[in-house]
């Protein structure tokens, strides 16, 4: 019930005063629930039987309200939803591009590592052949022992390089699997 002189019940009583008067004097009341925009409401109005002005307000049941003037809220909501959709598409596109970039980089790295390993294998084979030939020359009396030592040093230096090249190639394959989404979990 609106007791204010100006007809504005919201400014006449505070919430606590209105609640206190309703409980103390047994006044009529309304209660209900609604969605966030108050378009679909379920309300219950109670009448104490004393105020004839409220008798016609007694109702139980759902109500549907549609806004007549919502100050551009609907078009702004549509614009906002379109902007969120465009942002999601943009983020998805960037994610896909990043995934393709990672796969392409991993493929290039794997190919380069394989080529390097093949070159390192050729170097190791050449160093091994040089060492074998130096040993044959020394045995035949055509060269000094220093030539054997130098060729074996080159061969022994080439072997760890081949092992590192093989390891790097395998790591590149692992990175390729990871870029392709091969069940990698960190």
Protein backbone atom coordinates (compact mmCIF):
# COMPACT_ATOMS: atom_id res chain seq x y z
CA UNK A 1 0.00 0.00 0.00
CA UNK A 2 1.39 3.42 -0.95
CA UNK A 3 1.08 5.88 1.97
CA UNK A 4 3.18 8.63 0.43
CA UNK A 5 1.69 12.00 -0.51
CA UNK A 6 3.67 12.22 -3.73
CA UNK A 7 2.70 8.73 -4.90
CA UNK A 8 6.28 7.49 -4.76
CA UNK A 9 6.32 4.60 -2.28
CA UNK A 10 10.02 3.88 -2.84
CA UNK A 11 11.03 7.25 -1.37
CA UNK A 12 8.44 7.35 1.43
CA UNK A 13 9.63 4.39 3.54
CA UNK A 14 12.96 2.65 3.83
CA UNK A 15 12.93 -1.10 3.33
CA UNK A 16 13.19 -1.75 7.06
CA UNK A 17 10.27 0.62 7.83
CA UNK A 18 8.07 -0.96 5.16
CA UNK A 19 8.84 -4.48 6.40
CA UNK A 20 8.16 -3.43 9.98
CA UNK A 21 4.77 -1.91 9.11
CA UNK A 22 3.72 -4.92 7.07
CA UNK A 23 4.44 -7.32 9.92
CA UNK A 24 3.11 -5.09 12.69
CA UNK A 25 -0.17 -4.04 11.12
CA UNK A 26 -0.93 -7.15 9.04
CA UNK A 27 -0.97 -5.23 5.79
CA UNK A 28 -1.41 -6.73 2.37
CA UNK A 29 1.57 -7.87 0.42
CA UNK A 30 2.88 -9.17 -2.84
CA UNK A 31 5.75 -11.53 -3.41
CA UNK A 32 7.18 -13.28 -6.39
CA UNK A 33 10.12 -14.30 -8.49
CA UNK A 34 11.21 -13.29 -11.97
CA UNK A 35 14.02 -13.62 -14.47
CA UNK A 36 16.83 -11.08 -14.56
CA UNK A 37 15.03 -8.78 -17.01
CA UNK A 38 11.62 -9.24 -15.34
CA UNK A 39 10.01 -10.52 -18.51
CA UNK A 40 8.68 -13.72 -16.96
CA UNK A 41 7.27 -13.36 -13.44
CA UNK A 42 5.48 -15.59 -10.97
CA UNK A 43 3.74 -13.49 -8.33
CA UNK A 44 1.54 -14.05 -5.31
CA UNK A 45 -0.61 -11.22 -3.91
CA UNK A 46 -2.14 -11.53 -0.46
CA UNK A 47 -5.18 -9.61 0.82
CA UNK A 48 -5.95 -9.16 4.50
CA UNK A 49 -9.66 -8.68 3.88
CA UNK A 50 -9.74 -5.14 5.30
CA UNK A 51 -8.57 -2.93 2.43
CA UNK A 52 -11.20 -2.88 -0.36
CA UNK A 53 -8.77 -1.17 -2.73
CA UNK A 54 -6.57 -4.25 -2.88
CA UNK A 55 -9.32 -6.83 -3.29
CA UNK A 56 -9.07 -6.76 -7.09
CA UNK A 57 -5.29 -7.31 -6.92
CA UNK A 58 -5.60 -10.80 -5.45
CA UNK A 59 -4.00 -13.26 -7.86
CA UNK A 60 -1.91 -16.37 -8.02
CA UNK A 61 -0.23 -17.39 -11.24
CA UNK A 62 2.33 -16.52 -13.83
CA UNK A 63 2.61 -13.18 -15.53
CA UNK A 64 4.42 -12.24 -18.72
CA UNK A 65 5.68 -8.73 -19.14
CA UNK A 66 7.20 -7.29 -22.28
CA UNK A 67 9.08 -4.02 -22.18
CA UNK A 68 7.66 -1.20 -24.26
CA UNK A 69 10.67 1.03 -23.98
CA UNK A 70 14.00 -0.46 -22.93
CA UNK A 71 16.26 2.43 -23.89
CA UNK A 72 18.18 0.55 -26.61
CA UNK A 73 19.11 -2.34 -24.34
CA UNK A 74 18.13 -5.03 -26.88
CA UNK A 75 20.19 -3.67 -29.81
CA UNK A 76 23.11 -3.11 -27.45
CA UNK A 77 22.79 -6.72 -26.28
CA UNK A 78 22.82 -7.92 -29.89
CA UNK A 79 25.86 -5.77 -30.67
CA UNK A 80 27.60 -7.09 -27.57
CA UNK A 81 26.82 -10.70 -28.52
CA UNK A 82 28.13 -10.12 -32.05
CA UNK A 83 31.33 -8.61 -30.65
CA UNK A 84 31.82 -11.60 -28.31
CA UNK A 85 31.22 -14.00 -31.21
CA UNK A 86 33.73 -12.14 -33.42
CA UNK A 87 36.29 -12.18 -30.60
CA UNK A 88 35.79 -15.93 -30.16
CA UNK A 89 36.21 -16.52 -33.91
CA UNK A 90 39.33 -14.36 -33.93
CA UNK A 91 40.81 -16.24 -30.99
CA UNK A 92 39.96 -19.59 -32.64
CA UNK A 93 41.59 -18.46 -35.89
CA UNK A 94 44.73 -17.36 -34.06
CA UNK A 95 44.86 -20.68 -32.22
CA UNK A 96 44.57 -22.62 -35.48
CA UNK A 97 47.24 -20.48 -37.14
CA UNK A 98 49.55 -20.97 -34.17
CA UNK A 99 49.02 -24.75 -34.35
CA UNK A 100 49.83 -24.81 -38.10
CA UNK A 101 52.90 -22.65 -37.46
CA UNK A 102 54.13 -25.01 -34.73
CA UNK A 103 53.62 -28.06 -36.99
CA UNK A 104 55.40 -26.38 -39.91
CA UNK A 105 58.31 -25.37 -37.67
CA UNK A 106 58.55 -28.88 -36.22
CA UNK A 107 58.54 -30.42 -39.72
CA UNK A 108 61.32 -28.10 -40.88
CA UNK A 109 63.34 -28.78 -37.74
CA UNK A 110 62.95 -32.55 -38.11
CA UNK A 111 64.03 -32.42 -41.76
CA UNK A 112 67.08 -30.23 -40.98
CA UNK A 113 68.10 -32.46 -38.07
CA UNK A 114 67.85 -35.56 -40.28
CA UNK A 115 69.99 -33.89 -42.97
CA UNK A 116 72.56 -32.91 -40.35
CA UNK A 117 72.63 -36.45 -38.96
CA UNK A 118 73.21 -37.88 -42.43
CA UNK A 119 76.13 -35.45 -42.95
CA UNK A 120 77.50 -36.37 -39.51
CA UNK A 121 77.26 -40.08 -40.41
CA UNK A 122 79.22 -39.43 -43.61
CA UNK A 123 81.84 -37.50 -41.64
CA UNK A 124 82.13 -40.31 -39.07
CA UNK A 125 82.46 -42.95 -41.80
CA UNK A 126 85.14 -40.87 -43.52
CA UNK A 127 87.05 -40.44 -40.25
CA UNK A 128 86.79 -44.18 -39.59
CA UNK A 129 88.07 -44.96 -43.10
CA UNK A 130 90.91 -42.47 -42.64
CA UNK A 131 91.87 -44.12 -39.37
CA UNK A 132 91.78 -47.59 -40.96
CA UNK A 133 93.90 -46.44 -43.93
CA UNK A 134 96.40 -44.66 -41.63
CA UNK A 135 96.77 -47.88 -39.68
CA UNK A 136 97.36 -49.82 -42.94
CA UNK A 137 99.96 -47.23 -44.07
CA UNK A 138 101.76 -47.45 -40.75
CA UNK A 139 101.74 -51.24 -40.87
CA UNK A 140 103.12 -51.09 -44.41
CA UNK A 141 105.83 -48.67 -43.30
CA UNK A 142 104.66 -45.71 -45.36
CA UNK A 143 103.74 -43.31 -42.53
CA UNK A 144 104.52 -42.47 -38.93
CA UNK A 145 102.49 -43.40 -35.86
CA UNK A 146 101.57 -39.71 -35.52
CA UNK A 147 99.30 -40.06 -38.57
CA UNK A 148 97.42 -42.92 -36.84
CA UNK A 149 96.99 -40.84 -33.68
CA UNK A 150 95.71 -37.84 -35.63
CA UNK A 151 93.21 -39.89 -37.67
CA UNK A 152 91.93 -41.74 -34.59
CA UNK A 153 91.52 -38.42 -32.75
CA UNK A 154 89.36 -37.13 -35.63
CA UNK A 155 87.34 -40.37 -35.63
CA UNK A 156 86.80 -40.26 -31.87
CA UNK A 157 85.71 -36.60 -32.12
CA UNK A 158 83.22 -37.43 -34.88
CA UNK A 159 81.49 -40.27 -32.98
CA UNK A 160 80.05 -38.13 -30.12
CA UNK A 161 78.96 -35.58 -32.72
CA UNK A 162 77.02 -38.35 -34.48
CA UNK A 163 75.40 -39.39 -31.20
CA UNK A 164 74.36 -35.78 -30.49
CA UNK A 165 72.99 -35.41 -34.03
CA UNK A 166 70.96 -38.62 -33.62
CA UNK A 167 69.65 -37.40 -30.23
CA UNK A 168 68.68 -34.01 -31.70
CA UNK A 169 66.86 -35.71 -34.56
CA UNK A 170 64.84 -37.84 -32.12
CA UNK A 171 64.00 -34.77 -30.03
CA UNK A 172 62.79 -33.03 -33.19
CA UNK A 173 60.48 -35.99 -33.87
CA UNK A 174 59.13 -35.70 -30.31
CA UNK A 175 58.49 -31.97 -30.84
CA UNK A 176 56.68 -32.81 -34.08
CA UNK A 177 54.44 -35.31 -32.26
CA UNK A 178 53.77 -32.70 -29.59
CA UNK A 179 52.87 -30.07 -32.21
CA UNK A 180 50.51 -32.55 -33.87
CA UNK A 181 48.80 -33.16 -30.53
CA UNK A 182 50.14 -36.67 -30.04
CA UNK A 183 48.82 -37.12 -26.52
CA UNK A 184 51.48 -34.93 -24.91
CA UNK A 185 50.75 -34.00 -21.31
CA UNK A 186 52.90 -31.66 -19.24
